[in-house]
Amino acid sequence: MSFFLNDDLELLKQSAQEFTEKYVAPCVAEMEETNEFPRDLYLKAGELGFLSLIVPEQIGGMGLGLTAVGVVTEEIAKVSPAFAISYYVDSCMVSYLMESPNREALLKKYLPGLMSGWTIMAAGITHPEGSTNIPEWPILAKRDGDDWILNGSKLYVTNCGKADLVAFIGLTEDREMRCFIVETSDPGVDDNYVEEKLGLCGNCSGSYFLTDVRVADNHSFPKNPLDGFGPGNALCAAVALGCAEGALAKTMDFVQHRSHKGQPIGAKQVVAHRIARMWGQIEQSRALIYESLGMADRLIATGDTSLAAETKMLISTSKYTTCEMAIDVAKQCVWLHGGLGIVEETGISRYLRDAQTLSIADGTPDLHIESVAFLLGMPGSQLTI
């Protein structure tokens, strides 16, 4: 029983464990090789209700909040950090539709597919000029009567090539930041470029190129990525947490079966103490992540904006510290495997590659530290993420 989870979330955790072991684990090798995930995983996730966790009960969802998404994300990440990112990004995209003044029509059109897994959604935020370099972003959208015409590109979009629907965020001619809901089958949308990365192979991140894409005004609304409190960063931290747990579990099994001079290497004090320290690092990160997610859920439930700054600080801190922890844990796990640690067949080096890539996803450590410094009132600091 976890201190952070109630009975409902404990049952959800068990269900996520079973889903991961039965459906995700057998696909990991294929995802590493092909750099994409089977869409059937989304259909099964939808069947189990994992894609409707943050959807309010009154519109057909489970209404369990971001903490529930964090629980499922963490469990998936123990086996596949790559698919864990794809999962949490898609499962939270409904929030974009709910922010729209036209949300009733958008939810009626897209929500059933999103909750079932038949529709996958992504967010296109980063310009080639950089995700946080907003003053230098080029114009993405221009007015054409009652519609908008989009021209430009977006990089590092999770689920690129798999998504049926994308929320593109960019500037208009008058430098207003807006969100545009676009179907990837629309004329002028090109999603054929998937990036080859250091790690997280299989989460299909890539670039979108938009050429004269027409978007109805009721599929657009004002949206600034720096507004709000960045709950996705806490979920990225949950991926890093699961990544570290997966690496440690694999290593604990290894050191108890790998022998040296007639005894398991785990019986050596230096190894046992290293394992114990890594466990402590993981538990410290767990406490911060679930405190962050709990704060985010309280803010959403109460609408108390006085919680926003503290919530954002906790989330940013959990993101960069957990990613740094995951790199450290995965690195030590590789060391404890010795020469086998750098052999692909053992699978342990994948956790290190994934952890290093996670530290970049959703903002580098320095960007999060800068934002925390700003929110603490430190002079000269800026809100960067």
Protein backbone atom coordinates (compact mmCIF):
# COMPACT_ATOMS: atom_id res chain seq x y z
CA MET A 1 0.00 0.00 0.00
CA SER A 2 1.47 3.34 -1.05
CA PHE A 3 1.25 6.35 1.24
CA PHE A 4 0.40 8.47 -1.81
CA LEU A 5 -2.43 6.35 -3.28
CA ASN A 6 -5.97 5.66 -2.11
CA ASP A 7 -7.76 2.35 -2.69
CA ASP A 8 -9.02 3.35 -6.15
CA LEU A 9 -5.55 4.35 -7.29
CA GLU A 10 -4.05 1.15 -5.86
CA LEU A 11 -6.49 -0.86 -8.00
CA LEU A 12 -5.61 1.30 -10.99
CA LYS A 13 -1.92 0.65 -10.35
CA GLN A 14 -2.51 -3.10 -10.33
CA SER A 15 -4.46 -2.87 -13.58
CA ALA A 16 -1.65 -0.82 -15.15
CA GLN A 17 0.92 -3.39 -14.03
CA GLU A 18 -1.06 -6.18 -15.67
CA PHE A 19 -1.53 -4.15 -18.86
CA THR A 20 2.19 -3.38 -19.02
CA GLU A 21 3.33 -6.96 -18.44
CA LYS A 22 0.81 -8.51 -20.83
CA TYR A 23 0.68 -6.01 -23.67
CA VAL A 24 3.54 -3.49 -23.52
CA ALA A 25 6.50 -5.68 -22.53
CA PRO A 26 6.20 -8.02 -25.55
CA CYS A 27 6.37 -4.99 -27.88
CA VAL A 28 9.48 -3.30 -26.47
CA ALA A 29 12.02 -5.00 -28.75
CA GLU A 30 9.90 -4.24 -31.81
CA MET A 31 9.49 -0.59 -30.77
CA GLU A 32 13.25 -0.25 -30.32
CA GLU A 33 13.86 -1.69 -33.77
CA THR A 34 11.12 0.09 -35.73
CA ASN A 35 10.99 3.35 -33.72
CA GLU A 36 7.20 3.19 -33.52
CA PHE A 37 4.55 1.65 -31.30
CA PRO A 38 1.66 -0.66 -32.25
CA ARG A 39 -1.62 1.27 -32.35
CA ASP A 40 -3.31 -1.74 -30.77
CA LEU A 41 -1.76 -0.67 -27.45
CA TYR A 42 -3.95 2.44 -27.51
CA LEU A 43 -7.08 0.42 -28.19
CA LYS A 44 -6.34 -1.80 -25.19
CA ALA A 45 -5.52 1.24 -23.03
CA GLY A 46 -8.84 2.75 -24.06
CA GLU A 47 -10.68 -0.47 -23.27
CA LEU A 48 -9.23 -0.43 -19.75
CA GLY A 49 -10.24 3.21 -19.23
CA PHE A 50 -6.67 4.55 -19.13
CA LEU A 51 -7.45 7.20 -21.76
CA SER A 52 -10.40 8.70 -19.87
CA LEU A 53 -8.81 9.20 -16.44
CA ILE A 54 -8.81 13.01 -16.51
CA VAL A 55 -12.09 13.33 -18.40
CA PRO A 56 -14.82 14.56 -16.02
CA GLU A 57 -17.47 12.02 -15.08
CA GLN A 58 -20.28 14.26 -16.33
CA ILE A 59 -19.05 13.88 -19.92
CA GLY A 60 -18.33 10.16 -19.75
CA GLY A 61 -14.87 9.95 -18.20
CA MET A 62 -13.56 8.55 -14.94
CA GLY A 63 -12.70 11.90 -13.35
CA LEU A 64 -9.72 10.53 -11.41
CA GLY A 65 -7.36 13.37 -12.25
CA LEU A 66 -3.70 13.80 -13.10
CA THR A 67 -2.53 11.64 -10.19
CA ALA A 68 -4.25 8.67 -11.82
CA VAL A 69 -2.50 9.39 -15.13
CA GLY A 70 0.76 9.55 -13.19
CA VAL A 71 0.13 6.12 -11.68
CA VAL A 72 -0.43 4.49 -15.08
CA THR A 73 2.47 6.41 -16.64
CA GLU A 74 4.88 5.28 -13.93
CA GLU A 75 3.92 1.62 -14.33
CA ILE A 76 4.28 1.67 -18.12
CA ALA A 77 7.64 3.47 -17.83
CA LYS A 78 9.10 0.64 -15.75
CA VAL A 79 9.06 -1.40 -18.96
CA SER A 80 8.88 1.22 -21.74
CA PRO A 81 9.58 4.89 -20.99
CA ALA A 82 9.03 5.53 -24.71
CA PHE A 83 5.44 4.32 -24.75
CA ALA A 84 4.81 5.92 -21.34
CA ILE A 85 5.46 9.35 -22.89
CA SER A 86 3.20 8.60 -25.86
CA TYR A 87 0.50 7.45 -23.45
CA TYR A 88 0.48 10.43 -21.09
CA VAL A 89 0.68 12.99 -23.90
CA ASP A 90 -2.33 11.51 -25.65
CA SER A 91 -4.35 10.90 -22.48
CA CYS A 92 -4.05 14.56 -21.45
CA MET A 93 -4.77 16.14 -24.82
CA VAL A 94 -8.49 16.30 -24.11
CA SER A 95 -7.67 19.25 -21.84
CA TYR A 96 -6.93 21.31 -24.96
CA LEU A 97 -10.42 20.63 -26.28
CA MET A 98 -11.94 21.49 -22.90
CA GLU A 99 -10.25 24.92 -22.93
CA SER A 100 -11.91 25.90 -26.19
CA PRO A 101 -14.98 28.18 -26.17
CA ASN A 102 -16.31 25.68 -28.72
CA ARG A 103 -15.59 22.74 -26.41
CA GLU A 104 -19.07 21.23 -26.57
CA ALA A 105 -18.87 20.71 -30.33
CA LEU A 106 -15.21 19.63 -30.24
CA LEU A 107 -15.79 17.12 -27.45
CA LYS A 108 -18.83 15.71 -29.21
CA LYS A 109 -16.78 15.23 -32.36
CA TYR A 110 -13.51 13.91 -30.92
CA LEU A 111 -13.95 12.70 -27.32
CA PRO A 112 -15.35 9.20 -28.07
CA GLY A 113 -12.37 8.42 -30.30
CA LEU A 114 -9.86 9.81 -27.82
CA MET A 115 -11.24 7.81 -24.89
CA SER A 116 -11.46 4.58 -26.90
CA GLY A 117 -7.98 4.83 -28.41
CA TRP A 118 -9.25 5.00 -31.98
CA THR A 119 -8.12 8.63 -32.15
CA ILE A 120 -4.62 9.70 -31.09
CA MET A 121 -3.86 13.36 -30.40
CA ALA A 122 -0.62 15.32 -30.19
CA ALA A 123 0.56 18.85 -29.40
CA GLY A 124 2.76 20.83 -31.80
CA ILE A 125 4.48 23.57 -29.81
CA THR A 126 8.21 23.78 -30.59
CA HIS A 127 9.28 25.94 -33.53
CA PRO A 128 12.69 25.47 -35.19
CA GLU A 129 13.68 28.67 -33.34
CA GLY A 130 13.16 26.88 -30.01
CA SER A 131 10.26 26.08 -27.71
CA THR A 132 10.90 28.92 -25.26
CA ASN A 133 12.26 31.48 -27.73
CA ILE A 134 8.77 32.86 -28.33
CA PRO A 135 9.83 36.44 -29.30
CA GLU A 136 11.60 34.98 -32.35
CA TRP A 137 8.82 32.62 -33.38
CA PRO A 138 7.65 33.33 -36.93
CA ILE A 139 3.97 33.90 -37.70
CA LEU A 140 2.13 30.58 -37.96
CA ALA A 141 -1.41 31.74 -38.76
CA LYS A 142 -2.98 34.45 -40.89
CA ARG A 143 -6.63 35.38 -41.17
CA ASP A 144 -8.56 34.50 -44.31
CA GLY A 145 -12.18 35.55 -43.86
CA ASP A 146 -13.65 33.49 -41.03
CA ASP A 147 -10.82 30.94 -41.21
CA TRP A 148 -7.12 30.78 -40.43
CA ILE A 149 -4.36 29.73 -42.84
CA LEU A 150 -1.38 27.97 -41.24
CA ASN A 151 2.12 27.87 -42.70
CA GLY A 152 5.19 26.71 -40.81
CA SER A 153 6.69 23.75 -39.03
CA LYS A 154 6.74 22.18 -35.59
CA LEU A 155 9.51 19.97 -34.21
CA TYR A 156 9.79 17.21 -31.59
CA VAL A 157 6.08 16.39 -31.63
CA THR A 158 5.34 13.21 -29.66
CA ASN A 159 3.15 10.74 -31.58
CA CYS A 160 4.06 12.33 -34.91
CA GLY A 161 2.96 10.08 -37.74
CA LYS A 162 0.51 8.29 -35.45
CA ALA A 163 -1.68 11.21 -34.37
CA ASP A 164 -5.04 11.81 -36.03
CA LEU A 165 -5.46 15.19 -34.38
CA VAL A 166 -2.91 17.86 -33.41
CA ALA A 167 -3.18 21.02 -31.32
CA PHE A 168 -0.75 23.42 -32.99
CA ILE A 169 0.25 26.46 -30.94
CA GLY A 170 1.67 29.51 -32.65
CA LEU A 171 1.52 33.23 -33.31
CA THR A 172 -0.94 35.15 -35.45
CA GLU A 173 -0.18 38.30 -37.46
CA ASP A 174 -0.90 40.50 -34.43
CA ARG A 175 1.44 38.32 -32.28
CA GLU A 176 -1.42 36.69 -30.40
CA MET A 177 -0.69 33.15 -29.23
CA ARG A 178 -3.42 30.73 -30.32
CA CYS A 179 -4.13 27.02 -30.43
CA PHE A 180 -5.39 25.45 -33.66
CA ILE A 181 -7.06 22.01 -33.66
CA VAL A 182 -6.10 20.29 -36.90
CA GLU A 183 -6.84 16.84 -38.30
CA THR A 184 -3.70 15.31 -39.78
CA SER A 185 -5.68 14.19 -42.83
CA ASP A 186 -6.37 17.84 -43.73
CA PRO A 187 -4.79 19.12 -46.97
CA GLY A 188 -1.36 20.66 -46.42
CA VAL A 189 -0.38 18.64 -43.32
CA ASP A 190 2.85 16.65 -43.76
CA ASP A 191 3.87 14.35 -40.89
CA ASN A 192 6.28 12.02 -42.64
CA TYR A 193 9.44 12.93 -40.74
CA VAL A 194 10.13 10.92 -37.57
CA GLU A 195 13.31 11.75 -35.66
CA GLU A 196 16.02 9.25 -34.74
CA LYS A 197 16.90 9.97 -31.11
CA LEU A 198 19.41 8.89 -28.49
CA GLY A 199 16.66 7.12 -26.56
CA LEU A 200 12.90 6.76 -26.20
CA CYS A 201 12.79 4.79 -29.44
CA GLY A 202 9.21 3.98 -30.29
CA ASN A 203 7.43 7.11 -29.11
CA CYS A 204 7.35 8.48 -32.66
CA SER A 205 8.47 12.05 -32.13
CA GLY A 206 8.92 14.05 -35.30
CA SER A 207 8.15 17.17 -37.29
CA TYR A 208 5.03 18.57 -38.92
CA PHE A 209 5.19 20.80 -41.97
CA LEU A 210 2.12 22.93 -42.62
CA THR A 211 1.43 24.42 -46.04
CA ASP A 212 -1.69 26.57 -46.46
CA VAL A 213 -3.63 24.51 -43.92
CA ARG A 214 -7.12 25.96 -43.50
CA VAL A 215 -8.57 25.93 -39.97
CA ALA A 216 -12.07 27.06 -39.06
CA ASP A 217 -12.21 29.79 -36.43
CA ASN A 218 -14.26 27.55 -34.11
CA HIS A 219 -11.27 25.16 -34.05
CA SER A 220 -9.04 27.91 -32.66
CA PHE A 221 -8.72 29.78 -29.37
CA PRO A 222 -6.16 31.88 -27.44
CA LYS A 223 -3.53 29.72 -25.72
CA ASN A 224 -0.12 30.56 -24.26
CA PRO A 225 2.11 27.58 -23.36
CA LEU A 226 3.64 29.60 -20.51
CA ASP A 227 0.24 30.11 -18.88
CA GLY A 228 -0.95 27.65 -16.27
CA PHE A 229 1.24 25.35 -14.21
CA GLY A 230 2.65 22.78 -16.65
CA PRO A 231 1.14 19.49 -15.39
CA GLY A 232 2.72 17.59 -18.28
CA ASN A 233 6.13 18.15 -16.70
CA ALA A 234 5.07 16.21 -13.59
CA LEU A 235 3.97 13.35 -15.84
CA CYS A 236 7.32 13.45 -17.62
CA ALA A 237 8.86 13.15 -14.16
CA ALA A 238 6.66 10.09 -13.57
CA VAL A 239 8.19 8.56 -16.70
CA ALA A 240 11.68 9.19 -15.30
CA LEU A 241 10.60 7.66 -11.99
CA GLY A 242 9.36 4.50 -13.71
CA CYS A 243 12.52 4.40 -15.82
CA ALA A 244 14.69 4.41 -12.68
CA GLU A 245 12.50 1.78 -11.01
CA GLY A 246 12.69 -0.47 -14.06
CA ALA A 247 16.48 -0.21 -14.18
CA LEU A 248 16.81 -0.90 -10.46
CA ALA A 249 14.45 -3.91 -10.53
CA LYS A 250 16.41 -5.44 -13.39
CA THR A 251 19.69 -4.79 -11.58
CA MET A 252 18.51 -6.21 -8.24
CA ASP A 253 17.62 -9.43 -10.01
CA PHE A 254 21.00 -9.46 -11.74
CA VAL A 255 23.14 -8.92 -8.61
CA GLN A 256 21.29 -11.68 -6.75
CA HIS A 257 21.99 -14.23 -9.49
CA ARG A 258 25.40 -13.13 -10.78
CA SER A 259 28.06 -14.87 -8.69
CA HIS A 260 31.64 -13.98 -7.89
CA LYS A 261 33.88 -16.38 -6.00
CA GLY A 262 30.96 -18.53 -5.00
CA GLN A 263 28.53 -15.87 -3.79
CA PRO A 264 26.09 -13.41 -5.40
CA ILE A 265 27.69 -10.04 -6.07
CA GLY A 266 24.71 -8.53 -4.25
CA ALA A 267 26.12 -10.01 -1.04
CA LYS A 268 29.07 -7.63 -1.28
CA GLN A 269 28.55 -4.59 0.91
CA VAL A 270 29.59 -2.10 -1.74
CA VAL A 271 26.93 -3.47 -4.11
CA ALA A 272 24.22 -3.79 -1.46
CA HIS A 273 24.81 -0.23 -0.28
CA ARG A 274 24.70 1.10 -3.83
CA ILE A 275 21.34 -0.65 -4.31
CA ALA A 276 20.03 0.80 -1.04
CA ARG A 277 21.08 4.34 -1.97
CA MET A 278 19.38 4.07 -5.36
CA TRP A 279 16.16 2.89 -3.69
CA GLY A 280 16.31 5.96 -1.44
CA GLN A 281 16.82 8.28 -4.40
CA ILE A 282 13.77 6.81 -6.11
CA GLU A 283 11.54 7.17 -3.05
CA GLN A 284 12.56 10.81 -2.58
CA SER A 285 11.54 11.54 -6.16
CA ARG A 286 8.28 9.64 -5.76
CA ALA A 287 7.28 11.85 -2.82
CA LEU A 288 7.91 15.04 -4.79
CA ILE A 289 6.13 13.84 -7.93
CA TYR A 290 2.95 12.74 -6.19
CA GLU A 291 2.88 15.88 -4.07
CA SER A 292 3.10 17.85 -7.34
CA LEU A 293 0.32 15.85 -8.99
CA GLY A 294 -1.83 16.13 -5.88
CA MET A 295 -1.37 19.91 -5.84
CA ALA A 296 -2.26 20.07 -9.54
CA ASP A 297 -5.45 18.07 -8.97
CA ARG A 298 -6.42 20.35 -6.06
CA LEU A 299 -5.83 23.44 -8.18
CA ILE A 300 -7.98 22.08 -11.01
CA ALA A 301 -10.75 20.93 -8.65
CA THR A 302 -10.94 24.17 -6.65
CA GLY A 303 -9.91 26.73 -9.24
CA ASP A 304 -7.78 28.34 -6.53
CA THR A 305 -5.22 30.25 -8.60
CA SER A 306 -3.28 31.14 -5.44
CA LEU A 307 -1.92 27.58 -5.65
CA ALA A 308 -0.59 28.04 -9.19
CA ALA A 309 2.89 29.41 -8.43
CA GLU A 310 3.70 26.83 -5.75
CA THR A 311 2.30 24.05 -7.94
CA LYS A 312 4.42 25.16 -10.89
CA MET A 313 7.54 25.28 -8.69
CA LEU A 314 6.90 21.79 -7.35
CA ILE A 315 6.25 20.42 -10.83
CA SER A 316 9.36 21.98 -12.37
CA THR A 317 11.47 20.81 -9.44
CA SER A 318 10.10 17.28 -9.67
CA LYS A 319 10.80 17.22 -13.41
CA TYR A 320 14.45 18.22 -13.39
CA THR A 321 15.43 16.46 -10.16
CA THR A 322 13.74 13.18 -11.09
CA CYS A 323 15.31 13.15 -14.55
CA GLU A 324 18.73 13.76 -13.01
CA MET A 325 18.04 10.99 -10.50
CA ALA A 326 17.02 8.59 -13.27
CA ILE A 327 20.25 9.25 -15.17
CA ASP A 328 22.29 8.59 -12.02
CA VAL A 329 20.39 5.40 -11.14
CA ALA A 330 20.51 4.04 -14.69
CA LYS A 331 24.23 4.80 -14.92
CA GLN A 332 24.93 2.92 -11.69
CA CYS A 333 22.81 0.01 -12.88
CA VAL A 334 24.89 -0.21 -16.06
CA TRP A 335 28.05 -0.20 -13.94
CA LEU A 336 26.76 -3.02 -11.73
CA HIS A 337 26.19 -5.15 -14.83
CA GLY A 338 29.84 -4.75 -15.79
CA GLY A 339 30.54 -5.62 -19.41
CA LEU A 340 27.00 -6.93 -19.79
CA GLY A 341 25.76 -3.42 -19.08
CA ILE A 342 26.80 -2.21 -22.52
CA VAL A 343 25.48 -5.25 -24.37
CA GLU A 344 22.15 -4.48 -26.03
CA GLU A 345 20.67 -7.91 -25.33
CA THR A 346 20.61 -7.29 -21.57
CA GLY A 347 18.39 -4.23 -22.08
CA ILE A 348 19.87 -2.27 -19.18
CA SER A 349 21.63 0.34 -21.32
CA ARG A 350 18.27 1.30 -22.84
CA TYR A 351 17.21 2.75 -19.49
CA LEU A 352 20.27 5.01 -19.46
CA ARG A 353 19.63 6.23 -23.00
CA ASP A 354 15.98 6.84 -22.17
CA ALA A 355 16.82 8.69 -18.93
CA GLN A 356 19.26 10.98 -20.73
CA THR A 357 16.65 11.75 -23.39
CA LEU A 358 13.98 12.41 -20.76
CA SER A 359 16.11 15.16 -19.23
CA ILE A 360 15.65 17.10 -22.49
CA ALA A 361 11.97 16.29 -23.08
CA ASP A 362 9.56 18.96 -21.80
CA GLY A 363 12.44 21.32 -21.03
CA THR A 364 16.05 20.98 -19.92
CA PRO A 365 16.97 21.18 -16.22
CA ASP A 366 18.27 24.74 -16.63
CA LEU A 367 14.95 25.95 -18.05
CA HIS A 368 13.04 24.52 -15.09
CA ILE A 369 15.54 25.87 -12.57
CA GLU A 370 15.28 29.33 -14.17
CA SER A 371 11.47 29.26 -13.86
CA VAL A 372 11.66 28.20 -10.20
CA ALA A 373 14.11 31.05 -9.52
CA PHE A 374 11.68 33.48 -11.18
CA LEU A 375 8.75 32.24 -9.10
CA LEU A 376 10.87 32.58 -5.97
CA GLY A 377 11.34 36.25 -6.86
CA MET A 378 15.03 36.09 -7.73
CA PRO A 379 16.09 39.23 -9.65
CA GLY A 380 17.00 38.82 -13.31
CA SER A 381 15.23 35.46 -13.65
CA GLN A 382 12.57 34.72 -16.26
CA LEU A 383 9.61 32.38 -16.57
CA THR A 384 10.92 30.08 -19.29
CA ILE A 385 8.68 27.04 -19.22
